[in-house]
Amino acid sequence: MKVVVDTNVMVAALLGKEAATARQVIELALQDKITPLMADTLFNEYLDVISRDEVMQKCPFDEDERMEFLSAF
């Protein structure tokens, strides 16, 4: 199944709080059970958002770990 993973889902999965559904979507993608679709515009939006200190200050992952996570897609 092919899906577009919205930026809000990606951020929720990274932040972790009350993100069980978001994490399930990401886990399915990492397990190759779904195929995430993203154009350059959406990927660049992911990069922009995960680079924002004010958004990611509650994220348990540092910038290198977030980039590694994103590179899985």
PDB file of N, CA and C in Angstrom:
ATOM      1  N   MET A   1       0.849  -1.161   0.000  1.00  0.00           N
ATOM      2  CA  MET A   1       0.000   0.000   0.000  1.00  0.00           C
ATOM      3  C   MET A   1       0.903   1.235   0.000  1.00  0.00           C
ATOM      4  N   LYS A   2       0.564   2.195  -0.807  1.00  0.00           N
ATOM      5  CA  LYS A   2       1.312   3.443  -0.882  1.00  0.00           C
ATOM      6  C   LYS A   2       0.571   4.526  -0.116  1.00  0.00           C
ATOM      7  N   VAL A   3       1.319   5.288   0.689  1.00  0.00           N
ATOM      8  CA  VAL A   3       0.709   6.354   1.484  1.00  0.00           C
ATOM      9  C   VAL A   3       1.604   7.589   1.486  1.00  0.00           C
ATOM     10  N   VAL A   4       0.979   8.734   1.646  1.00  0.00           N
ATOM     11  CA  VAL A   4       1.703   9.978   1.853  1.00  0.00           C
ATOM     12  C   VAL A   4       1.712  10.229   3.360  1.00  0.00           C
ATOM     13  N   VAL A   5       2.887  10.330   3.923  1.00  0.00           N
ATOM     14  CA  VAL A   5       3.026  10.549   5.366  1.00  0.00           C
ATOM     15  C   VAL A   5       3.143  12.056   5.586  1.00  0.00           C
ATOM     16  N   ASP A   6       2.099  12.625   6.156  1.00  0.00           N
ATOM     17  CA  ASP A   6       2.049  14.052   6.410  1.00  0.00           C
ATOM     18  C   ASP A   6       3.142  14.466   7.389  1.00  0.00           C
ATOM     19  N   THR A   7       3.599  15.692   7.264  1.00  0.00           N
ATOM     20  CA  THR A   7       4.632  16.210   8.156  1.00  0.00           C
ATOM     21  C   THR A   7       4.201  16.125   9.615  1.00  0.00           C
ATOM     22  N   ASN A   8       2.934  16.381   9.902  1.00  0.00           N
ATOM     23  CA  ASN A   8       2.440  16.297  11.284  1.00  0.00           C
ATOM     24  C   ASN A   8       2.598  14.891  11.857  1.00  0.00           C
ATOM     25  N   VAL A   9       2.403  13.879  11.027  1.00  0.00           N
ATOM     26  CA  VAL A   9       2.566  12.490  11.469  1.00  0.00           C
ATOM     27  C   VAL A   9       4.037  12.217  11.779  1.00  0.00           C
ATOM     28  N   MET A  10       4.915  12.681  10.900  1.00  0.00           N
ATOM     29  CA  MET A  10       6.349  12.482  11.105  1.00  0.00           C
ATOM     30  C   MET A  10       6.813  13.166  12.393  1.00  0.00           C
ATOM     31  N   VAL A  11       6.390  14.401  12.605  1.00  0.00           N
ATOM     32  CA  VAL A  11       6.791  15.138  13.800  1.00  0.00           C
ATOM     33  C   VAL A  11       6.217  14.488  15.051  1.00  0.00           C
ATOM     34  N   ALA A  12       4.961  14.088  15.011  1.00  0.00           N
ATOM     35  CA  ALA A  12       4.344  13.435  16.167  1.00  0.00           C
ATOM     36  C   ALA A  12       5.092  12.161  16.528  1.00  0.00           C
ATOM     37  N   ALA A  13       5.498  11.400  15.529  1.00  0.00           N
ATOM     38  CA  ALA A  13       6.245  10.166  15.790  1.00  0.00           C
ATOM     39  C   ALA A  13       7.587  10.469  16.449  1.00  0.00           C
ATOM     40  N   LEU A  14       8.231  11.546  16.029  1.00  0.00           N
ATOM     41  CA  LEU A  14       9.518  11.917  16.621  1.00  0.00           C
ATOM     42  C   LEU A  14       9.375  12.453  18.041  1.00  0.00           C
ATOM     43  N   LEU A  15       8.331  13.230  18.279  1.00  0.00           N
ATOM     44  CA  LEU A  15       8.156  13.820  19.603  1.00  0.00           C
ATOM     45  C   LEU A  15       7.669  12.803  20.612  1.00  0.00           C
ATOM     46  N   GLY A  16       6.887  11.827  20.156  1.00  0.00           N
ATOM     47  CA  GLY A  16       6.551  10.704  20.988  1.00  0.00           C
ATOM     48  C   GLY A  16       5.336  10.798  21.881  1.00  0.00           C
ATOM     49  N   LYS A  17       4.999  11.959  22.379  1.00  0.00           N
ATOM     50  CA  LYS A  17       3.880  12.050  23.312  1.00  0.00           C
ATOM     51  C   LYS A  17       2.560  11.815  22.591  1.00  0.00           C
ATOM     52  N   GLU A  18       1.821  10.852  23.107  1.00  0.00           N
ATOM     53  CA  GLU A  18       0.499  10.541  22.575  1.00  0.00           C
ATOM     54  C   GLU A  18       0.526  10.348  21.058  1.00  0.00           C
ATOM     55  N   ALA A  19       1.556   9.664  20.589  1.00  0.00           N
ATOM     56  CA  ALA A  19       1.739   9.515  19.148  1.00  0.00           C
ATOM     57  C   ALA A  19       1.686   8.065  18.705  1.00  0.00           C
ATOM     58  N   ALA A  20       0.894   7.246  19.378  1.00  0.00           N
ATOM     59  CA  ALA A  20       0.870   5.818  19.065  1.00  0.00           C
ATOM     60  C   ALA A  20       0.509   5.562  17.608  1.00  0.00           C
ATOM     61  N   THR A  21      -0.487   6.250  17.103  1.00  0.00           N
ATOM     62  CA  THR A  21      -0.904   6.046  15.711  1.00  0.00           C
ATOM     63  C   THR A  21       0.175   6.508  14.751  1.00  0.00           C
ATOM     64  N   ALA A  22       0.764   7.668  15.029  1.00  0.00           N
ATOM     65  CA  ALA A  22       1.831   8.185  14.169  1.00  0.00           C
ATOM     66  C   ALA A  22       3.011   7.226  14.145  1.00  0.00           C
ATOM     67  N   ARG A  23       3.370   6.712  15.301  1.00  0.00           N
ATOM     68  CA  ARG A  23       4.486   5.759  15.362  1.00  0.00           C
ATOM     69  C   ARG A  23       4.161   4.466  14.622  1.00  0.00           C
ATOM     70  N   GLN A  24       2.919   4.035  14.682  1.00  0.00           N
ATOM     71  CA  GLN A  24       2.527   2.826  13.951  1.00  0.00           C
ATOM     72  C   GLN A  24       2.705   3.031  12.451  1.00  0.00           C
ATOM     73  N   VAL A  25       2.348   4.206  11.959  1.00  0.00           N
ATOM     74  CA  VAL A  25       2.510   4.498  10.532  1.00  0.00           C
ATOM     75  C   VAL A  25       3.985   4.428  10.155  1.00  0.00           C
ATOM     76  N   ILE A  26       4.828   5.046  10.966  1.00  0.00           N
ATOM     77  CA  ILE A  26       6.269   5.042  10.688  1.00  0.00           C
ATOM     78  C   ILE A  26       6.826   3.622  10.784  1.00  0.00           C
ATOM     79  N   GLU A  27       6.404   2.869  11.787  1.00  0.00           N
ATOM     80  CA  GLU A  27       6.863   1.481  11.932  1.00  0.00           C
ATOM     81  C   GLU A  27       6.466   0.649  10.721  1.00  0.00           C
ATOM     82  N   LEU A  28       5.260   0.816  10.231  1.00  0.00           N
ATOM     83  CA  LEU A  28       4.823   0.089   9.039  1.00  0.00           C
ATOM     84  C   LEU A  28       5.696   0.426   7.838  1.00  0.00           C
ATOM     85  N   ALA A  29       6.058   1.691   7.711  1.00  0.00           N
ATOM     86  CA  ALA A  29       6.930   2.107   6.611  1.00  0.00           C
ATOM     87  C   ALA A  29       8.321   1.488   6.756  1.00  0.00           C
ATOM     88  N   LEU A  30       8.859   1.506   7.965  1.00  0.00           N
ATOM     89  CA  LEU A  30      10.193   0.949   8.202  1.00  0.00           C
ATOM     90  C   LEU A  30      10.218  -0.566   8.037  1.00  0.00           C
ATOM     91  N   GLN A  31       9.077  -1.210   8.221  1.00  0.00           N
ATOM     92  CA  GLN A  31       8.969  -2.658   8.049  1.00  0.00           C
ATOM     93  C   GLN A  31       8.582  -3.037   6.616  1.00  0.00           C
ATOM     94  N   ASP A  32       8.520  -2.047   5.729  1.00  0.00           N
ATOM     95  CA  ASP A  32       8.146  -2.246   4.315  1.00  0.00           C
ATOM     96  C   ASP A  32       6.736  -2.808   4.146  1.00  0.00           C
ATOM     97  N   LYS A  33       5.858  -2.535   5.101  1.00  0.00           N
ATOM     98  CA  LYS A  33       4.465  -2.975   4.986  1.00  0.00           C
ATOM     99  C   LYS A  33       3.628  -1.923   4.267  1.00  0.00           C
ATOM    100  N   ILE A  34       4.100  -0.680   4.261  1.00  0.00           N
ATOM    101  CA  ILE A  34       3.521   0.379   3.457  1.00  0.00           C
ATOM    102  C   ILE A  34       4.677   1.101   2.774  1.00  0.00           C
ATOM    103  N   THR A  35       4.382   1.741   1.669  1.00  0.00           N
ATOM    104  CA  THR A  35       5.394   2.492   0.938  1.00  0.00           C
ATOM    105  C   THR A  35       5.092   3.973   1.054  1.00  0.00           C
ATOM    106  N   PRO A  36       5.944   4.713   1.764  1.00  0.00           N
ATOM    107  CA  PRO A  36       5.694   6.156   1.874  1.00  0.00           C
ATOM    108  C   PRO A  36       6.032   6.856   0.558  1.00  0.00           C
ATOM    109  N   LEU A  37       5.136   7.711   0.129  1.00  0.00           N
ATOM    110  CA  LEU A  37       5.366   8.498  -1.076  1.00  0.00           C
ATOM    111  C   LEU A  37       5.650   9.931  -0.666  1.00  0.00           C
ATOM    112  N   MET A  38       6.659  10.514  -1.266  1.00  0.00           N
ATOM    113  CA  MET A  38       6.917  11.918  -0.979  1.00  0.00           C
ATOM    114  C   MET A  38       7.642  12.548  -2.151  1.00  0.00           C
ATOM    115  N   ALA A  39       7.169  13.708  -2.519  1.00  0.00           N
ATOM    116  CA  ALA A  39       7.836  14.495  -3.537  1.00  0.00           C
ATOM    117  C   ALA A  39       8.928  15.311  -2.855  1.00  0.00           C
ATOM    118  N   ASP A  40       9.762  15.943  -3.650  1.00  0.00           N
ATOM    119  CA  ASP A  40      10.836  16.765  -3.097  1.00  0.00           C
ATOM    120  C   ASP A  40      10.293  17.849  -2.173  1.00  0.00           C
ATOM    121  N   THR A  41       9.163  18.414  -2.524  1.00  0.00           N
ATOM    122  CA  THR A  41       8.582  19.482  -1.704  1.00  0.00           C
ATOM    123  C   THR A  41       8.259  18.988  -0.307  1.00  0.00           C
ATOM    124  N   LEU A  42       7.647  17.816  -0.187  1.00  0.00           N
ATOM    125  CA  LEU A  42       7.299  17.268   1.117  1.00  0.00           C
ATOM    126  C   LEU A  42       8.556  16.880   1.893  1.00  0.00           C
ATOM    127  N   PHE A  43       9.523  16.275   1.220  1.00  0.00           N
ATOM    128  CA  PHE A  43      10.771  15.905   1.888  1.00  0.00           C
ATOM    129  C   PHE A  43      11.470  17.153   2.421  1.00  0.00           C
ATOM    130  N   ASN A  44      11.487  18.215   1.631  1.00  0.00           N
ATOM    131  CA  ASN A  44      12.101  19.469   2.087  1.00  0.00           C
ATOM    132  C   ASN A  44      11.347  20.065   3.271  1.00  0.00           C
ATOM    133  N   GLU A  45      10.031  19.867   3.300  1.00  0.00           N
ATOM    134  CA  GLU A  45       9.252  20.327   4.456  1.00  0.00           C
ATOM    135  C   GLU A  45       9.647  19.537   5.697  1.00  0.00           C
ATOM    136  N   TYR A  46       9.814  18.225   5.565  1.00  0.00           N
ATOM    137  CA  TYR A  46      10.290  17.411   6.684  1.00  0.00           C
ATOM    138  C   TYR A  46      11.615  17.962   7.205  1.00  0.00           C
ATOM    139  N   LEU A  47      12.552  18.190   6.279  1.00  0.00           N
ATOM    140  CA  LEU A  47      13.865  18.705   6.668  1.00  0.00           C
ATOM    141  C   LEU A  47      13.751  20.031   7.399  1.00  0.00           C
ATOM    142  N   ASP A  48      12.916  20.904   6.881  1.00  0.00           N
ATOM    143  CA  ASP A  48      12.735  22.216   7.499  1.00  0.00           C
ATOM    144  C   ASP A  48      12.200  22.082   8.921  1.00  0.00           C
ATOM    145  N   VAL A  49      11.164  21.288   9.086  1.00  0.00           N
ATOM    146  CA  VAL A  49      10.513  21.171  10.391  1.00  0.00           C
ATOM    147  C   VAL A  49      11.426  20.497  11.414  1.00  0.00           C
ATOM    148  N   ILE A  50      12.116  19.427  11.027  1.00  0.00           N
ATOM    149  CA  ILE A  50      12.961  18.740  12.008  1.00  0.00           C
ATOM    150  C   ILE A  50      14.244  19.512  12.315  1.00  0.00           C
ATOM    151  N   SER A  51      14.470  20.594  11.596  1.00  0.00           N
ATOM    152  CA  SER A  51      15.620  21.457  11.876  1.00  0.00           C
ATOM    153  C   SER A  51      15.265  22.622  12.792  1.00  0.00           C
ATOM    154  N   ARG A  52      13.993  22.808  13.083  1.00  0.00           N
ATOM    155  CA  ARG A  52      13.551  23.923  13.920  1.00  0.00           C
ATOM    156  C   ARG A  52      13.736  23.595  15.397  1.00  0.00           C
ATOM    157  N   ASP A  53      14.570  24.380  16.043  1.00  0.00           N
ATOM    158  CA  ASP A  53      14.825  24.153  17.468  1.00  0.00           C
ATOM    159  C   ASP A  53      13.564  24.272  18.306  1.00  0.00           C
ATOM    160  N   GLU A  54      12.708  25.248  17.987  1.00  0.00           N
ATOM    161  CA  GLU A  54      11.506  25.457  18.788  1.00  0.00           C
ATOM    162  C   GLU A  54      10.524  24.291  18.684  1.00  0.00           C
ATOM    163  N   VAL A  55      10.572  23.551  17.594  1.00  0.00           N
ATOM    164  CA  VAL A  55       9.707  22.386  17.424  1.00  0.00           C
ATOM    165  C   VAL A  55      10.362  21.145  18.038  1.00  0.00           C
ATOM    166  N   MET A  56      11.637  21.000  17.829  1.00  0.00           N
ATOM    167  CA  MET A  56      12.324  19.773  18.212  1.00  0.00           C
ATOM    168  C   MET A  56      12.927  19.793  19.614  1.00  0.00           C
ATOM    169  N   GLN A  57      12.752  20.855  20.367  1.00  0.00           N
ATOM    170  CA  GLN A  57      13.351  20.896  21.703  1.00  0.00           C
ATOM    171  C   GLN A  57      12.800  19.817  22.627  1.00  0.00           C
ATOM    172  N   LYS A  58      11.615  19.300  22.333  1.00  0.00           N
ATOM    173  CA  LYS A  58      11.042  18.222  23.146  1.00  0.00           C
ATOM    174  C   LYS A  58      11.319  16.837  22.566  1.00  0.00           C
ATOM    175  N   CYS A  59      12.024  16.806  21.462  1.00  0.00           N
ATOM    176  CA  CYS A  59      12.327  15.539  20.804  1.00  0.00           C
ATOM    177  C   CYS A  59      13.455  14.825  21.550  1.00  0.00           C
ATOM    178  N   PRO A  60      13.308  13.530  21.817  1.00  0.00           N
ATOM    179  CA  PRO A  60      14.357  12.804  22.530  1.00  0.00           C
ATOM    180  C   PRO A  60      15.580  12.499  21.658  1.00  0.00           C
ATOM    181  N   PHE A  61      15.515  12.814  20.362  1.00  0.00           N
ATOM    182  CA  PHE A  61      16.613  12.522  19.442  1.00  0.00           C
ATOM    183  C   PHE A  61      17.378  13.795  19.103  1.00  0.00           C
ATOM    184  N   ASP A  62      18.699  13.665  18.955  1.00  0.00           N
ATOM    185  CA  ASP A  62      19.474  14.824  18.534  1.00  0.00           C
ATOM    186  C   ASP A  62      19.359  14.977  17.011  1.00  0.00           C
ATOM    187  N   GLU A  63      19.967  16.024  16.480  1.00  0.00           N
ATOM    188  CA  GLU A  63      19.815  16.315  15.052  1.00  0.00           C
ATOM    189  C   GLU A  63      20.340  15.191  14.172  1.00  0.00           C
ATOM    190  N   ASP A  64      21.460  14.598  14.530  1.00  0.00           N
ATOM    191  CA  ASP A  64      22.007  13.490  13.740  1.00  0.00           C
ATOM    192  C   ASP A  64      21.056  12.296  13.730  1.00  0.00           C
ATOM    193  N   GLU A  65      20.464  12.002  14.867  1.00  0.00           N
ATOM    194  CA  GLU A  65      19.513  10.883  14.941  1.00  0.00           C
ATOM    195  C   GLU A  65      18.256  11.175  14.132  1.00  0.00           C
ATOM    196  N   ARG A  66      17.800  12.422  14.154  1.00  0.00           N
ATOM    197  CA  ARG A  66      16.626  12.780  13.343  1.00  0.00           C
ATOM    198  C   ARG A  66      16.928  12.636  11.856  1.00  0.00           C
ATOM    199  N   MET A  67      18.123  13.025  11.443  1.00  0.00           N
ATOM    200  CA  MET A  67      18.497  12.896  10.035  1.00  0.00           C
ATOM    201  C   MET A  67      18.626  11.424   9.636  1.00  0.00           C
ATOM    202  N   GLU A  68      19.148  10.612  10.531  1.00  0.00           N
ATOM    203  CA  GLU A  68      19.241   9.178  10.268  1.00  0.00           C
ATOM    204  C   GLU A  68      17.854   8.570  10.115  1.00  0.00           C
ATOM    205  N   PHE A  69      16.948   8.978  10.999  1.00  0.00           N
ATOM    206  CA  PHE A  69      15.548   8.531  10.928  1.00  0.00           C
ATOM    207  C   PHE A  69      14.959   8.903   9.567  1.00  0.00           C
ATOM    208  N   LEU A  70      15.155  10.142   9.157  1.00  0.00           N
ATOM    209  CA  LEU A  70      14.589  10.625   7.902  1.00  0.00           C
ATOM    210  C   LEU A  70      15.226   9.908   6.705  1.00  0.00           C
ATOM    211  N   SER A  71      16.484   9.577   6.804  1.00  0.00           N
ATOM    212  CA  SER A  71      17.154   8.919   5.677  1.00  0.00           C
ATOM    213  C   SER A  71      16.607   7.510   5.426  1.00  0.00           C
ATOM    214  N   ALA A  72      15.911   6.962   6.410  1.00  0.00           N
ATOM    215  CA  ALA A  72      15.294   5.636   6.225  1.00  0.00           C
ATOM    216  C   ALA A  72      14.184   5.681   5.181  1.00  0.00           C
ATOM    217  N   PHE A  73      13.732   6.884   4.867  1.00  0.00           N
ATOM    218  CA  PHE A  73      12.684   7.041   3.871  1.00  0.00           C
ATOM    219  C   PHE A  73      13.276   7.438   2.544  1.00  0.00           C
TER     220      PHE A  73
END
